[in-house]
């Protein structure tokens, strides 16, 4: 299953270091939650392959208030010229769907 997104890059303010995320849509998050009910990992995370521009990497998305959030690492921010509060266009593909 694959889901596209186009949402602003935001900073997580719980840490001193710069941790940035993109929120997936509520609709996509609802579909992901339904599809992965038996396949989540620690903290309810779901493993994905993420693509933004020419960068593709494996990571996990995490449940938040109303949506899953995708961490955007520094190497991707730099390679793709991403800035805080600017839209990030990309996609996530669910991977490693093995029953836990």
N, C-alpha and C. Protein backbone atom coordinates (compact mmCIF):
# COMPACT_ATOMS: atom_id res chain seq x y z
N UNK A 1 0.84 -1.18 0.00
CA UNK A 1 0.00 0.00 0.00
C UNK A 1 0.89 1.24 0.00
N UNK A 2 0.49 2.21 -0.79
CA UNK A 2 1.27 3.43 -0.93
C UNK A 2 0.37 4.64 -0.72
N UNK A 3 0.92 5.66 -0.06
CA UNK A 3 0.16 6.87 0.26
C UNK A 3 1.00 8.10 -0.07
N UNK A 4 0.42 9.03 -0.79
CA UNK A 4 1.10 10.28 -1.13
C UNK A 4 0.78 11.34 -0.08
N UNK A 5 1.67 12.32 0.03
CA UNK A 5 1.42 13.43 0.95
C UNK A 5 2.01 14.71 0.39
N UNK A 6 1.48 15.82 0.83
CA UNK A 6 2.00 17.15 0.54
C UNK A 6 1.60 18.03 1.71
N UNK A 7 2.46 18.07 2.71
CA UNK A 7 2.18 18.79 3.95
C UNK A 7 3.44 19.50 4.43
N UNK A 8 3.28 20.50 5.30
CA UNK A 8 4.44 21.26 5.77
C UNK A 8 5.38 20.45 6.66
N UNK A 9 6.66 20.78 6.56
CA UNK A 9 7.68 20.22 7.44
C UNK A 9 7.61 20.97 8.77
N UNK A 10 7.52 20.24 9.87
CA UNK A 10 7.43 20.90 11.17
C UNK A 10 8.46 20.34 12.14
N UNK A 11 8.77 21.15 13.13
CA UNK A 11 9.78 20.80 14.13
C UNK A 11 9.12 20.23 15.37
N UNK A 12 9.68 19.14 15.88
CA UNK A 12 9.23 18.55 17.14
C UNK A 12 9.95 19.31 18.25
N UNK A 13 9.20 19.94 19.14
CA UNK A 13 9.81 20.82 20.14
C UNK A 13 10.11 20.14 21.47
N UNK A 14 10.06 18.83 21.53
CA UNK A 14 10.33 18.12 22.78
C UNK A 14 11.82 17.84 22.99
N UNK A 15 12.64 18.11 21.99
CA UNK A 15 14.07 17.86 22.06
C UNK A 15 14.84 19.12 21.71
N UNK A 16 16.05 19.18 22.20
CA UNK A 16 16.92 20.29 21.85
C UNK A 16 17.39 20.20 20.40
N UNK A 17 17.70 18.96 19.99
CA UNK A 17 18.15 18.75 18.62
C UNK A 17 17.00 19.03 17.65
N UNK A 18 17.35 19.26 16.40
CA UNK A 18 16.33 19.53 15.38
C UNK A 18 15.79 18.20 14.85
N UNK A 19 14.58 17.86 15.27
CA UNK A 19 13.86 16.70 14.76
C UNK A 19 12.70 17.24 13.95
N UNK A 20 12.58 16.80 12.70
CA UNK A 20 11.52 17.32 11.86
C UNK A 20 10.63 16.19 11.35
N UNK A 21 9.38 16.54 11.10
CA UNK A 21 8.38 15.56 10.68
C UNK A 21 7.45 16.17 9.64
N UNK A 22 6.77 15.28 8.93
CA UNK A 22 5.65 15.63 8.06
C UNK A 22 4.48 14.78 8.53
N UNK A 23 3.32 15.40 8.69
CA UNK A 23 2.12 14.66 9.08
C UNK A 23 1.44 14.12 7.82
N UNK A 24 1.00 12.88 7.89
CA UNK A 24 0.20 12.32 6.81
C UNK A 24 -1.24 12.78 6.99
N UNK A 25 -2.05 12.66 5.97
CA UNK A 25 -3.44 13.09 6.09
C UNK A 25 -4.21 12.17 7.03
N UNK A 26 -5.30 12.68 7.58
CA UNK A 26 -6.14 11.85 8.46
C UNK A 26 -6.71 10.67 7.69
N UNK A 27 -7.10 10.89 6.44
CA UNK A 27 -7.66 9.81 5.63
C UNK A 27 -6.62 8.71 5.42
N UNK A 28 -5.41 9.08 5.02
CA UNK A 28 -4.35 8.08 4.84
C UNK A 28 -4.04 7.40 6.16
N UNK A 29 -4.00 8.16 7.24
CA UNK A 29 -3.70 7.59 8.56
C UNK A 29 -4.75 6.58 8.99
N UNK A 30 -6.02 6.88 8.72
CA UNK A 30 -7.09 5.94 9.04
C UNK A 30 -6.92 4.64 8.26
N UNK A 31 -6.58 4.75 6.98
CA UNK A 31 -6.38 3.56 6.15
C UNK A 31 -5.17 2.77 6.60
N UNK A 32 -4.10 3.46 6.97
CA UNK A 32 -2.90 2.78 7.46
C UNK A 32 -3.20 2.05 8.76
N UNK A 33 -3.89 2.72 9.67
CA UNK A 33 -4.23 2.09 10.96
C UNK A 33 -5.07 0.83 10.75
N UNK A 34 -6.03 0.90 9.85
CA UNK A 34 -6.88 -0.27 9.58
C UNK A 34 -6.08 -1.40 8.95
N UNK A 35 -5.17 -1.06 8.04
CA UNK A 35 -4.40 -2.08 7.33
C UNK A 35 -3.29 -2.70 8.17
N UNK A 36 -2.86 -2.00 9.22
CA UNK A 36 -1.69 -2.46 9.98
C UNK A 36 -2.03 -2.82 11.43
N UNK A 37 -3.28 -2.99 11.72
CA UNK A 37 -3.71 -3.24 13.10
C UNK A 37 -2.89 -4.33 13.79
N UNK A 38 -2.54 -5.39 13.07
CA UNK A 38 -1.79 -6.50 13.66
C UNK A 38 -0.30 -6.43 13.35
N UNK A 39 0.15 -5.35 12.72
CA UNK A 39 1.52 -5.30 12.23
C UNK A 39 2.36 -4.16 12.82
N UNK A 40 1.91 -3.54 13.89
CA UNK A 40 2.65 -2.41 14.44
C UNK A 40 3.83 -2.88 15.28
N UNK A 41 4.76 -1.97 15.47
CA UNK A 41 5.96 -2.22 16.26
C UNK A 41 5.94 -1.29 17.48
N UNK A 42 7.09 -1.07 18.11
CA UNK A 42 7.17 -0.24 19.29
C UNK A 42 6.53 1.13 19.11
N UNK A 43 5.82 1.58 20.11
CA UNK A 43 5.13 2.88 20.11
C UNK A 43 4.06 2.96 19.02
N UNK A 44 3.60 1.82 18.52
CA UNK A 44 2.58 1.81 17.47
C UNK A 44 3.13 2.15 16.10
N UNK A 45 4.46 2.09 15.95
CA UNK A 45 5.08 2.48 14.68
C UNK A 45 4.79 1.46 13.58
N UNK A 46 4.88 1.96 12.36
CA UNK A 46 4.67 1.14 11.16
C UNK A 46 5.87 1.38 10.24
N UNK A 47 6.47 0.31 9.76
CA UNK A 47 7.64 0.45 8.89
C UNK A 47 7.21 0.83 7.48
N UNK A 48 7.98 1.77 6.91
CA UNK A 48 7.66 2.28 5.57
C UNK A 48 8.94 2.51 4.77
N UNK A 49 8.75 2.60 3.47
CA UNK A 49 9.78 3.14 2.59
C UNK A 49 9.25 4.50 2.16
N UNK A 50 10.01 5.53 2.44
CA UNK A 50 9.58 6.91 2.16
C UNK A 50 10.36 7.45 0.97
N UNK A 51 9.69 8.27 0.17
CA UNK A 51 10.33 8.94 -0.96
C UNK A 51 9.93 10.41 -0.95
N UNK A 52 10.95 11.27 -1.01
CA UNK A 52 10.77 12.71 -1.16
C UNK A 52 11.76 13.13 -2.23
N UNK A 53 11.25 13.67 -3.33
CA UNK A 53 12.14 14.04 -4.43
C UNK A 53 12.93 12.83 -4.90
N UNK A 54 14.25 12.97 -4.97
CA UNK A 54 15.11 11.87 -5.39
C UNK A 54 15.62 11.01 -4.24
N UNK A 55 15.16 11.28 -3.03
CA UNK A 55 15.61 10.53 -1.85
C UNK A 55 14.60 9.47 -1.45
N UNK A 56 15.07 8.25 -1.26
CA UNK A 56 14.24 7.15 -0.79
C UNK A 56 14.97 6.48 0.36
N UNK A 57 14.25 6.21 1.46
CA UNK A 57 14.86 5.59 2.63
C UNK A 57 13.82 4.79 3.39
N UNK A 58 14.29 3.90 4.24
CA UNK A 58 13.41 3.10 5.10
C UNK A 58 13.40 3.72 6.49
N UNK A 59 12.22 3.80 7.06
CA UNK A 59 12.05 4.37 8.39
C UNK A 59 10.73 3.86 8.95
N UNK A 60 10.26 4.47 9.99
CA UNK A 60 8.95 4.14 10.56
C UNK A 60 8.13 5.41 10.68
N UNK A 61 6.82 5.26 10.55
CA UNK A 61 5.90 6.35 10.86
C UNK A 61 5.30 6.06 12.22
N UNK A 62 4.90 7.11 12.91
CA UNK A 62 4.42 6.98 14.28
C UNK A 62 3.05 7.61 14.43
N UNK A 63 2.17 6.98 15.22
CA UNK A 63 0.86 7.59 15.45
C UNK A 63 1.01 8.83 16.32
N UNK A 64 0.26 9.86 15.96
CA UNK A 64 0.22 11.08 16.74
C UNK A 64 -1.25 11.38 17.01
N UNK A 65 -1.58 12.60 17.33
CA UNK A 65 -2.96 12.94 17.70
C UNK A 65 -3.99 12.47 16.68
N UNK A 66 -3.93 12.98 15.47
CA UNK A 66 -4.94 12.65 14.46
C UNK A 66 -4.36 11.97 13.23
N UNK A 67 -3.04 11.80 13.20
CA UNK A 67 -2.42 11.29 11.98
C UNK A 67 -1.09 10.62 12.31
N UNK A 68 -0.61 9.83 11.37
CA UNK A 68 0.74 9.30 11.49
C UNK A 68 1.71 10.41 11.10
N UNK A 69 2.91 10.37 11.69
CA UNK A 69 3.93 11.36 11.36
C UNK A 69 5.17 10.64 10.84
N UNK A 70 5.79 11.26 9.85
CA UNK A 70 6.98 10.72 9.19
C UNK A 70 8.18 11.57 9.56
N UNK A 71 9.20 10.97 10.21
CA UNK A 71 10.42 11.74 10.50
C UNK A 71 11.20 11.98 9.20
N UNK A 72 11.69 13.21 9.06
CA UNK A 72 12.50 13.58 7.89
C UNK A 72 13.91 13.86 8.40
N UNK A 73 14.84 12.97 8.06
CA UNK A 73 16.20 13.11 8.60
C UNK A 73 16.98 14.22 7.90
N UNK A 74 18.02 14.66 8.57
CA UNK A 74 18.82 15.80 8.11
C UNK A 74 19.36 15.58 6.69
N UNK A 75 19.85 14.38 6.40
CA UNK A 75 20.40 14.11 5.07
C UNK A 75 19.36 14.34 3.98
N UNK A 76 18.11 13.98 4.24
CA UNK A 76 17.04 14.19 3.27
C UNK A 76 16.71 15.67 3.17
N UNK A 77 16.61 16.35 4.31
CA UNK A 77 16.33 17.80 4.29
C UNK A 77 17.36 18.54 3.45
N UNK A 78 18.64 18.18 3.65
CA UNK A 78 19.71 18.86 2.92
C UNK A 78 19.70 18.48 1.44
N UNK A 79 19.56 17.20 1.13
CA UNK A 79 19.57 16.74 -0.27
C UNK A 79 18.42 17.33 -1.08
N UNK A 80 17.27 17.50 -0.43
CA UNK A 80 16.07 17.96 -1.13
C UNK A 80 15.77 19.44 -0.90
N UNK A 81 16.63 20.13 -0.14
CA UNK A 81 16.44 21.56 0.10
C UNK A 81 15.17 21.88 0.87
N UNK A 82 14.81 21.03 1.82
CA UNK A 82 13.57 21.22 2.58
C UNK A 82 13.77 22.23 3.70
N UNK A 83 12.74 23.05 3.93
CA UNK A 83 12.78 24.05 4.98
C UNK A 83 11.56 23.93 5.87
N UNK A 84 11.72 24.32 7.13
CA UNK A 84 10.60 24.28 8.07
C UNK A 84 9.42 25.07 7.54
N UNK A 85 8.24 24.55 7.76
CA UNK A 85 6.96 25.15 7.38
C UNK A 85 6.68 25.14 5.87
N UNK A 86 7.62 24.69 5.06
CA UNK A 86 7.40 24.60 3.62
C UNK A 86 6.81 23.23 3.29
N UNK A 87 6.00 23.15 2.23
CA UNK A 87 5.40 21.87 1.87
C UNK A 87 6.45 20.83 1.46
N UNK A 88 6.21 19.61 1.88
CA UNK A 88 7.03 18.47 1.48
C UNK A 88 6.11 17.53 0.70
N UNK A 89 6.51 17.21 -0.51
CA UNK A 89 5.72 16.32 -1.36
C UNK A 89 6.44 14.98 -1.45
N UNK A 90 5.71 13.91 -1.19
CA UNK A 90 6.34 12.60 -1.25
C UNK A 90 5.33 11.49 -1.10
N UNK A 91 5.85 10.31 -0.79
CA UNK A 91 4.98 9.14 -0.60
C UNK A 91 5.61 8.19 0.39
N UNK A 92 4.78 7.38 1.01
CA UNK A 92 5.24 6.30 1.87
C UNK A 92 4.60 5.01 1.37
N UNK A 93 5.39 3.94 1.43
CA UNK A 93 4.90 2.61 1.07
C UNK A 93 5.08 1.72 2.28
N UNK A 94 4.02 1.03 2.69
CA UNK A 94 4.09 0.14 3.84
C UNK A 94 4.98 -1.06 3.51
N UNK A 95 5.86 -1.42 4.44
CA UNK A 95 6.76 -2.57 4.26
C UNK A 95 6.76 -3.43 5.51
N UNK A 96 7.31 -4.62 5.39
CA UNK A 96 7.48 -5.53 6.53
C UNK A 96 6.18 -5.80 7.26
N UNK A 97 5.12 -6.04 6.55
CA UNK A 97 3.84 -6.33 7.20
C UNK A 97 3.81 -7.79 7.64
N UNK A 98 4.40 -8.02 8.79
CA UNK A 98 4.42 -9.36 9.38
C UNK A 98 3.68 -9.31 10.70
N UNK A 99 2.80 -10.26 10.89
CA UNK A 99 1.98 -10.27 12.10
C UNK A 99 2.86 -10.36 13.34
N UNK A 100 2.52 -9.56 14.36
CA UNK A 100 3.30 -9.52 15.61
C UNK A 100 2.56 -10.25 16.68
